[in-house]
Amino acid sequence: QENLRRRLGDHHPWVLAAAASVANALVELDELDEAVRLEEFARLGYDRTGFGRHPDRALVADNLAMTRARRLGAPPTGEEPRRRADIDLELPDL
């Protein structure tokens, strides 16, 4: 992710997708504080680039809410648990 940030800038969609993916891996490792930091970075990146209504921004916001709830030890509700998601990227053929 750091290499992408240096080459593409903080708010490039690939950088934001990478942050969201790394955050998902960190949640699996129970490193919730760092996951929250990355998810907040990604969500703010979408807001700053004018993609505040983009579906990927909503996905990151949902993941962030789940991470925050888990960090606080929120008990499961009676609803079917939501699943964390990664952002799908379509890379152009070069």
Protein backbone atom coordinates (compact mmCIF):
# COMPACT_ATOMS: atom_id res chain seq x y z
CA GLN A 1 0.00 0.00 0.00
CA GLU A 2 2.82 2.44 0.80
CA ASN A 3 4.36 1.97 -2.65
CA LEU A 4 1.00 2.70 -4.25
CA ARG A 5 0.60 5.82 -2.12
CA ARG A 6 4.00 7.13 -3.16
CA ARG A 7 3.32 6.54 -6.85
CA LEU A 8 -0.37 7.37 -7.12
CA GLY A 9 -1.13 9.68 -4.22
CA ASP A 10 -3.26 9.23 -1.12
CA HIS A 11 -6.64 9.44 -2.79
CA HIS A 12 -6.24 7.22 -5.84
CA PRO A 13 -8.96 4.52 -5.95
CA TRP A 14 -6.36 1.73 -5.97
CA VAL A 15 -4.73 3.14 -2.83
CA LEU A 16 -8.10 3.33 -1.09
CA ALA A 17 -8.95 -0.23 -2.14
CA ALA A 18 -5.59 -1.47 -0.88
CA ALA A 19 -6.18 0.24 2.48
CA ALA A 20 -9.57 -1.45 2.78
CA SER A 21 -8.10 -4.86 1.92
CA VAL A 22 -5.23 -4.53 4.38
CA ALA A 23 -7.73 -3.45 7.05
CA ASN A 24 -9.75 -6.62 6.43
CA ALA A 25 -6.62 -8.72 6.93
CA LEU A 26 -5.82 -6.83 10.14
CA VAL A 27 -9.30 -7.53 11.49
CA GLU A 28 -8.68 -11.24 10.94
CA LEU A 29 -5.46 -10.83 12.96
CA ASP A 30 -7.43 -8.96 15.67
CA GLU A 31 -5.38 -5.78 15.11
CA LEU A 32 -8.46 -3.62 15.30
CA ASP A 33 -6.92 -0.23 16.08
CA GLU A 34 -4.78 -0.31 12.94
CA ALA A 35 -7.72 -1.63 10.90
CA VAL A 36 -9.87 1.29 12.09
CA ARG A 37 -7.09 3.72 11.14
CA LEU A 38 -6.90 2.34 7.60
CA GLU A 39 -10.66 2.21 7.16
CA GLU A 40 -10.98 5.81 8.33
CA PHE A 41 -8.22 6.78 5.88
CA ALA A 42 -10.07 5.05 3.02
CA ARG A 43 -13.47 6.51 3.91
CA LEU A 44 -12.03 10.00 4.19
CA GLY A 45 -10.22 9.49 0.88
CA TYR A 46 -13.51 8.83 -0.89
CA ASP A 47 -15.03 11.90 0.74
CA ARG A 48 -12.11 14.11 -0.30
CA THR A 49 -12.17 12.99 -3.92
CA GLY A 50 -15.86 13.65 -4.42
CA PHE A 51 -16.80 9.96 -4.37
CA GLY A 52 -18.72 10.24 -1.09
CA ARG A 53 -21.71 8.45 -2.63
CA HIS A 54 -19.71 5.78 -4.44
CA PRO A 55 -20.62 2.16 -3.54
CA ASP A 56 -17.00 1.50 -2.53
CA ARG A 57 -17.23 4.30 0.03
CA ALA A 58 -20.36 2.67 1.47
CA LEU A 59 -18.55 -0.67 1.63
CA VAL A 60 -15.65 0.90 3.55
CA ALA A 61 -18.06 2.68 5.90
CA ASP A 62 -19.85 -0.62 6.63
CA ASN A 63 -16.54 -2.38 7.29
CA LEU A 64 -15.49 0.48 9.58
CA ALA A 65 -18.73 0.25 11.57
CA MET A 66 -18.21 -3.50 12.00
CA THR A 67 -14.60 -3.02 13.08
CA ARG A 68 -15.54 -0.35 15.62
CA ALA A 69 -18.30 -2.55 17.04
CA ARG A 70 -15.92 -5.51 17.32
CA ARG A 71 -13.28 -3.32 18.97
CA LEU A 72 -15.84 -2.28 21.58
CA GLY A 73 -16.84 -5.89 22.11
CA ALA A 74 -20.36 -5.30 20.85
CA PRO A 75 -22.47 -8.42 21.33
CA PRO A 76 -23.98 -10.00 18.25
CA THR A 77 -27.51 -8.95 17.49
CA GLY A 78 -30.38 -11.20 16.52
CA GLU A 79 -29.90 -10.20 12.90
CA GLU A 80 -27.86 -12.16 10.41
CA PRO A 81 -24.31 -10.82 10.75
CA ARG A 82 -23.06 -8.65 7.94
CA ARG A 83 -19.98 -9.80 6.12
CA ARG A 84 -16.88 -7.76 5.58
CA ALA A 85 -16.15 -7.07 1.94
CA ASP A 86 -13.19 -6.16 -0.22
CA ILE A 87 -13.32 -3.69 -3.06
CA ASP A 88 -13.20 -5.35 -6.47
CA LEU A 89 -10.82 -3.67 -8.87
CA GLU A 90 -10.84 -4.05 -12.60
CA LEU A 91 -7.37 -3.42 -13.91
CA PRO A 92 -7.02 -2.36 -17.53
CA ASP A 93 -5.14 -4.59 -19.93
CA LEU A 94 -1.83 -2.99 -20.73
